[in-house]
């Protein structure tokens, strides 16, 4: 992955999160962050 692609991908993800927060609030982002944390811990167990 080139730097240009990485920057565009990062900007796209941040833009999507910004639009999501502006339209729907932050409650479900906290829920998803907790689920992502649990997934990372689960995957780290299998490492």
N, C-alpha and C. Protein backbone atom coordinates (compact mmCIF):
# COMPACT_ATOMS: atom_id res chain seq x y z
N UNK A 1 0.86 -1.17 0.00
CA UNK A 1 0.00 0.00 0.00
C UNK A 1 0.90 1.23 0.00
N UNK A 2 0.64 2.11 -0.91
CA UNK A 2 1.44 3.32 -0.99
C UNK A 2 0.94 4.35 0.03
N UNK A 3 1.76 5.35 0.27
CA UNK A 3 1.38 6.40 1.22
C UNK A 3 0.13 7.14 0.77
N UNK A 4 0.02 7.35 -0.54
CA UNK A 4 -1.14 8.07 -1.07
C UNK A 4 -2.43 7.30 -0.81
N UNK A 5 -2.40 6.01 -1.03
CA UNK A 5 -3.59 5.19 -0.76
C UNK A 5 -3.91 5.16 0.72
N UNK A 6 -2.89 5.05 1.55
CA UNK A 6 -3.10 5.02 3.00
C UNK A 6 -3.71 6.33 3.50
N UNK A 7 -3.24 7.44 2.98
CA UNK A 7 -3.79 8.74 3.39
C UNK A 7 -5.25 8.88 2.96
N UNK A 8 -5.56 8.48 1.73
CA UNK A 8 -6.94 8.55 1.25
C UNK A 8 -7.85 7.63 2.06
N UNK A 9 -7.38 6.44 2.36
CA UNK A 9 -8.17 5.50 3.14
C UNK A 9 -8.41 6.03 4.55
N UNK A 10 -7.37 6.60 5.17
CA UNK A 10 -7.52 7.20 6.49
C UNK A 10 -8.49 8.36 6.48
N UNK A 11 -8.41 9.21 5.46
CA UNK A 11 -9.32 10.35 5.36
C UNK A 11 -10.75 9.88 5.14
N UNK A 12 -10.92 8.84 4.35
CA UNK A 12 -12.25 8.29 4.11
C UNK A 12 -12.87 7.72 5.40
N UNK A 13 -12.07 6.99 6.17
CA UNK A 13 -12.57 6.42 7.42
C UNK A 13 -12.91 7.53 8.42
N UNK A 14 -12.03 8.51 8.55
CA UNK A 14 -12.31 9.62 9.48
C UNK A 14 -13.53 10.42 9.04
N UNK A 15 -13.68 10.62 7.75
CA UNK A 15 -14.86 11.32 7.24
C UNK A 15 -16.14 10.56 7.52
N UNK A 16 -16.09 9.25 7.34
CA UNK A 16 -17.28 8.42 7.62
C UNK A 16 -17.64 8.47 9.10
N UNK A 17 -16.64 8.44 9.97
CA UNK A 17 -16.91 8.53 11.41
C UNK A 17 -17.48 9.90 11.75
N UNK A 18 -16.94 10.95 11.16
CA UNK A 18 -17.44 12.31 11.42
C UNK A 18 -18.90 12.45 11.00
N UNK A 19 -19.24 11.99 9.82
CA UNK A 19 -20.63 12.05 9.36
C UNK A 19 -21.53 11.24 10.26
N UNK A 20 -21.07 10.07 10.67
CA UNK A 20 -21.86 9.20 11.55
C UNK A 20 -22.12 9.87 12.89
N UNK A 21 -21.11 10.51 13.45
CA UNK A 21 -21.28 11.19 14.75
C UNK A 21 -22.23 12.38 14.60
N UNK A 22 -22.09 13.13 13.52
CA UNK A 22 -22.96 14.29 13.33
C UNK A 22 -24.42 13.89 13.14
N UNK A 23 -24.66 12.77 12.47
CA UNK A 23 -26.03 12.36 12.20
C UNK A 23 -26.66 11.57 13.34
N UNK A 24 -25.89 10.69 13.99
CA UNK A 24 -26.48 9.74 14.94
C UNK A 24 -25.95 9.85 16.36
N UNK A 25 -24.93 10.62 16.62
CA UNK A 25 -24.40 10.72 17.97
C UNK A 25 -23.29 9.71 18.20
N UNK A 26 -22.83 9.64 19.44
CA UNK A 26 -21.65 8.84 19.74
C UNK A 26 -21.94 7.55 20.50
N UNK A 27 -23.19 7.30 20.87
CA UNK A 27 -23.47 6.15 21.72
C UNK A 27 -23.09 4.83 21.07
N UNK A 28 -23.44 4.65 19.81
CA UNK A 28 -23.14 3.38 19.16
C UNK A 28 -21.66 3.24 18.81
N UNK A 29 -20.94 4.34 18.68
CA UNK A 29 -19.50 4.23 18.46
C UNK A 29 -18.80 3.67 19.69
N UNK A 30 -19.27 4.04 20.87
CA UNK A 30 -18.71 3.49 22.10
C UNK A 30 -18.98 2.00 22.16
N UNK A 31 -20.19 1.58 21.80
CA UNK A 31 -20.54 0.17 21.76
C UNK A 31 -19.63 -0.59 20.79
N UNK A 32 -19.44 -0.04 19.60
CA UNK A 32 -18.59 -0.71 18.61
C UNK A 32 -17.13 -0.75 19.06
N UNK A 33 -16.67 0.29 19.73
CA UNK A 33 -15.30 0.29 20.23
C UNK A 33 -15.10 -0.79 21.29
N UNK A 34 -16.09 -0.98 22.15
CA UNK A 34 -16.00 -2.05 23.16
C UNK A 34 -16.00 -3.42 22.50
N UNK A 35 -16.82 -3.60 21.48
CA UNK A 35 -16.85 -4.88 20.77
C UNK A 35 -15.53 -5.13 20.04
N UNK A 36 -14.96 -4.08 19.44
CA UNK A 36 -13.68 -4.22 18.77
C UNK A 36 -12.58 -4.58 19.76
N UNK A 37 -12.62 -3.99 20.94
CA UNK A 37 -11.65 -4.31 21.99
C UNK A 37 -11.77 -5.78 22.39
N UNK A 38 -13.00 -6.27 22.54
CA UNK A 38 -13.20 -7.67 22.90
C UNK A 38 -12.69 -8.59 21.78
N UNK A 39 -12.90 -8.21 20.53
CA UNK A 39 -12.42 -9.00 19.41
C UNK A 39 -10.89 -9.05 19.38
N UNK A 40 -10.25 -7.92 19.62
CA UNK A 40 -8.78 -7.88 19.63
C UNK A 40 -8.23 -8.76 20.76
N UNK A 41 -8.85 -8.70 21.93
CA UNK A 41 -8.41 -9.55 23.03
C UNK A 41 -8.60 -11.02 22.70
N UNK A 42 -9.71 -11.36 22.05
CA UNK A 42 -9.97 -12.74 21.66
C UNK A 42 -8.93 -13.22 20.65
N UNK A 43 -8.63 -12.39 19.67
CA UNK A 43 -7.64 -12.77 18.67
C UNK A 43 -6.24 -12.84 19.27
N UNK A 44 -5.93 -12.00 20.24
CA UNK A 44 -4.62 -12.04 20.88
C UNK A 44 -4.46 -13.34 21.67
N UNK A 45 -5.55 -13.89 22.17
CA UNK A 45 -5.50 -15.16 22.88
C UNK A 45 -5.03 -16.27 21.95
N UNK A 46 -5.46 -16.23 20.71
CA UNK A 46 -5.11 -17.28 19.76
C UNK A 46 -3.76 -17.06 19.10
N UNK A 47 -3.10 -16.02 19.43
CA UNK A 47 -1.78 -15.74 18.84
C UNK A 47 -0.78 -16.68 19.32
